[in-house]
N, C-alpha and C. Protein backbone atom coordinates (compact mmCIF):
# COMPACT_ATOMS: atom_id res chain seq x y z
N MET A 1 -107.93 -48.22 202.17
CA MET A 1 -107.52 -49.22 203.12
C MET A 1 -108.76 -49.81 203.78
N THR A 2 -108.73 -51.10 203.98
CA THR A 2 -109.81 -51.79 204.68
C THR A 2 -109.23 -52.41 205.93
N LEU A 3 -109.86 -52.16 207.04
CA LEU A 3 -109.42 -52.73 208.32
C LEU A 3 -110.42 -53.79 208.73
N ARG A 4 -109.95 -55.00 208.83
CA ARG A 4 -110.83 -56.09 209.24
C ARG A 4 -110.61 -56.39 210.71
N LEU A 5 -111.68 -56.31 211.47
CA LEU A 5 -111.63 -56.57 212.90
C LEU A 5 -112.41 -57.82 213.23
N THR A 6 -112.01 -58.49 214.30
CA THR A 6 -112.82 -59.60 214.79
C THR A 6 -114.11 -59.00 215.37
N ASP A 7 -115.08 -59.85 215.60
CA ASP A 7 -116.32 -59.37 216.20
C ASP A 7 -116.06 -58.72 217.56
N GLU A 8 -115.16 -59.33 218.32
CA GLU A 8 -114.85 -58.80 219.65
C GLU A 8 -114.17 -57.43 219.55
N GLU A 9 -113.25 -57.29 218.60
CA GLU A 9 -112.57 -56.01 218.42
C GLU A 9 -113.55 -54.93 217.96
N ALA A 10 -114.42 -55.28 217.05
CA ALA A 10 -115.42 -54.32 216.56
C ALA A 10 -116.37 -53.91 217.69
N ASP A 11 -116.78 -54.86 218.51
CA ASP A 11 -117.66 -54.53 219.64
C ASP A 11 -116.96 -53.61 220.63
N ALA A 12 -115.68 -53.90 220.93
CA ALA A 12 -114.92 -53.06 221.86
C ALA A 12 -114.76 -51.65 221.30
N LEU A 13 -114.47 -51.56 220.02
CA LEU A 13 -114.32 -50.25 219.38
C LEU A 13 -115.64 -49.50 219.39
N ARG A 14 -116.72 -50.19 219.11
CA ARG A 14 -118.05 -49.56 219.12
C ARG A 14 -118.39 -49.02 220.50
N ARG A 15 -118.13 -49.85 221.54
CA ARG A 15 -118.42 -49.42 222.92
C ARG A 15 -117.59 -48.19 223.29
N GLN A 16 -116.30 -48.20 222.94
CA GLN A 16 -115.44 -47.06 223.26
C GLN A 16 -115.91 -45.81 222.55
N ALA A 17 -116.27 -45.96 221.30
CA ALA A 17 -116.75 -44.81 220.52
C ALA A 17 -118.03 -44.24 221.14
N GLN A 18 -118.91 -45.12 221.57
CA GLN A 18 -120.15 -44.65 222.21
C GLN A 18 -119.86 -43.94 223.53
N LEU A 19 -118.92 -44.49 224.31
CA LEU A 19 -118.55 -43.85 225.58
C LEU A 19 -118.00 -42.45 225.37
N GLU A 20 -117.24 -42.28 224.28
CA GLU A 20 -116.61 -40.99 224.00
C GLU A 20 -117.47 -40.10 223.11
N ASP A 21 -118.64 -40.60 222.71
CA ASP A 21 -119.53 -39.87 221.81
C ASP A 21 -118.78 -39.44 220.54
N ARG A 22 -118.05 -40.41 219.99
CA ARG A 22 -117.28 -40.19 218.76
C ARG A 22 -117.55 -41.34 217.81
N SER A 23 -117.14 -41.17 216.58
CA SER A 23 -117.30 -42.25 215.62
C SER A 23 -116.23 -43.31 215.85
N MET A 24 -116.53 -44.51 215.41
CA MET A 24 -115.56 -45.59 215.50
C MET A 24 -114.30 -45.23 214.71
N GLN A 25 -114.49 -44.58 213.58
CA GLN A 25 -113.36 -44.18 212.75
C GLN A 25 -112.46 -43.21 213.49
N ASP A 26 -113.05 -42.23 214.17
CA ASP A 26 -112.25 -41.26 214.92
C ASP A 26 -111.43 -41.94 216.02
N VAL A 27 -112.06 -42.86 216.74
CA VAL A 27 -111.36 -43.56 217.82
C VAL A 27 -110.22 -44.40 217.25
N ALA A 28 -110.46 -45.10 216.16
CA ALA A 28 -109.43 -45.94 215.54
C ALA A 28 -108.28 -45.09 215.01
N ARG A 29 -108.60 -43.98 214.36
CA ARG A 29 -107.54 -43.11 213.82
C ARG A 29 -106.67 -42.55 214.94
N GLN A 30 -107.28 -42.14 216.05
CA GLN A 30 -106.50 -41.62 217.17
C GLN A 30 -105.61 -42.71 217.75
N ALA A 31 -106.13 -43.90 217.86
CA ALA A 31 -105.33 -45.02 218.39
C ALA A 31 -104.12 -45.29 217.50
N ILE A 32 -104.31 -45.21 216.21
CA ILE A 32 -103.20 -45.43 215.27
C ILE A 32 -102.16 -44.33 215.41
N ARG A 33 -102.62 -43.07 215.50
CA ARG A 33 -101.68 -41.95 215.67
C ARG A 33 -100.86 -42.12 216.95
N GLU A 34 -101.52 -42.47 218.05
CA GLU A 34 -100.83 -42.64 219.32
C GLU A 34 -99.84 -43.81 219.25
N TYR A 35 -100.22 -44.90 218.62
CA TYR A 35 -99.33 -46.05 218.48
C TYR A 35 -98.08 -45.67 217.70
N VAL A 36 -98.25 -45.01 216.58
CA VAL A 36 -97.11 -44.62 215.75
C VAL A 36 -96.20 -43.66 216.51
N GLU A 37 -96.79 -42.70 217.21
CA GLU A 37 -95.99 -41.74 217.97
C GLU A 37 -95.16 -42.42 219.04
N VAL A 38 -95.76 -43.30 219.81
CA VAL A 38 -95.07 -43.99 220.89
C VAL A 38 -93.95 -44.87 220.34
N HIS A 39 -94.26 -45.63 219.30
CA HIS A 39 -93.26 -46.55 218.76
C HIS A 39 -92.16 -45.81 217.99
N SER A 40 -92.47 -44.69 217.41
CA SER A 40 -91.44 -43.90 216.74
C SER A 40 -90.44 -43.36 217.75
N ARG A 41 -90.96 -42.88 218.88
CA ARG A 41 -90.08 -42.38 219.94
C ARG A 41 -89.21 -43.49 220.50
N ALA A 42 -89.80 -44.65 220.72
CA ALA A 42 -89.05 -45.78 221.27
C ALA A 42 -87.95 -46.20 220.30
N GLU A 43 -88.25 -46.23 219.02
CA GLU A 43 -87.24 -46.62 218.03
C GLU A 43 -86.10 -45.61 217.99
N LEU A 44 -86.43 -44.33 218.05
CA LEU A 44 -85.40 -43.29 218.06
C LEU A 44 -84.53 -43.42 219.30
N LEU A 45 -85.14 -43.61 220.45
CA LEU A 45 -84.39 -43.76 221.70
C LEU A 45 -83.47 -44.98 221.62
N ASP A 46 -83.98 -46.08 221.09
CA ASP A 46 -83.15 -47.28 220.95
C ASP A 46 -81.94 -47.02 220.07
N ARG A 47 -82.13 -46.31 218.97
CA ARG A 47 -81.01 -46.01 218.07
C ARG A 47 -79.98 -45.12 218.75
N VAL A 48 -80.44 -44.12 219.49
CA VAL A 48 -79.52 -43.23 220.18
C VAL A 48 -78.75 -44.00 221.25
N LEU A 49 -79.44 -44.82 222.00
CA LEU A 49 -78.76 -45.60 223.05
C LEU A 49 -77.75 -46.57 222.44
N ASP A 50 -78.12 -47.20 221.34
CA ASP A 50 -77.20 -48.14 220.70
C ASP A 50 -75.93 -47.44 220.23
N SER A 51 -76.06 -46.21 219.78
CA SER A 51 -74.88 -45.51 219.26
C SER A 51 -74.09 -44.81 220.35
N GLU A 52 -74.73 -44.34 221.40
CA GLU A 52 -74.06 -43.54 222.43
C GLU A 52 -73.65 -44.32 223.67
N LEU A 53 -74.37 -45.36 224.01
CA LEU A 53 -74.08 -46.10 225.23
C LEU A 53 -72.66 -46.67 225.26
N PRO A 54 -72.18 -47.28 224.18
CA PRO A 54 -70.80 -47.78 224.22
C PRO A 54 -69.78 -46.69 224.53
N ARG A 55 -70.08 -45.49 224.11
CA ARG A 55 -69.17 -44.36 224.34
C ARG A 55 -68.98 -44.08 225.82
N TYR A 56 -70.02 -44.34 226.61
CA TYR A 56 -69.98 -44.05 228.04
C TYR A 56 -69.94 -45.31 228.89
N ALA A 57 -69.66 -46.45 228.29
CA ALA A 57 -69.71 -47.73 229.00
C ALA A 57 -68.78 -47.75 230.22
N GLU A 58 -67.57 -47.24 230.05
CA GLU A 58 -66.61 -47.27 231.16
C GLU A 58 -67.11 -46.40 232.32
N ALA A 59 -67.58 -45.23 232.02
CA ALA A 59 -68.08 -44.33 233.07
C ALA A 59 -69.30 -44.95 233.77
N LEU A 60 -70.19 -45.57 233.01
CA LEU A 60 -71.36 -46.21 233.60
C LEU A 60 -70.96 -47.38 234.48
N GLU A 61 -69.97 -48.12 234.05
CA GLU A 61 -69.46 -49.24 234.84
C GLU A 61 -68.91 -48.74 236.18
N ARG A 62 -68.16 -47.66 236.15
CA ARG A 62 -67.62 -47.10 237.40
C ARG A 62 -68.73 -46.61 238.32
N LEU A 63 -69.75 -45.98 237.75
CA LEU A 63 -70.85 -45.50 238.57
C LEU A 63 -71.60 -46.66 239.22
N GLY A 64 -71.60 -47.80 238.56
CA GLY A 64 -72.31 -48.96 239.10
C GLY A 64 -71.58 -49.66 240.22
N GLN A 65 -70.33 -49.30 240.45
CA GLN A 65 -69.55 -49.96 241.50
C GLN A 65 -69.72 -49.30 242.84
């Protein structure tokens, strides 16, 4: 895989890597892992809410009154 970054993105990644005393690759890989984890959780939560929320719609409506 080849990741093409703009000059600004590459500079930001380089600065972050230097701040953390890590390689640019390590910083990028961690960022990807965190992104996938967060978005996977959000997608799962959305699916659960879509399937379960209608089941409790009446009760939620009453609680809102």
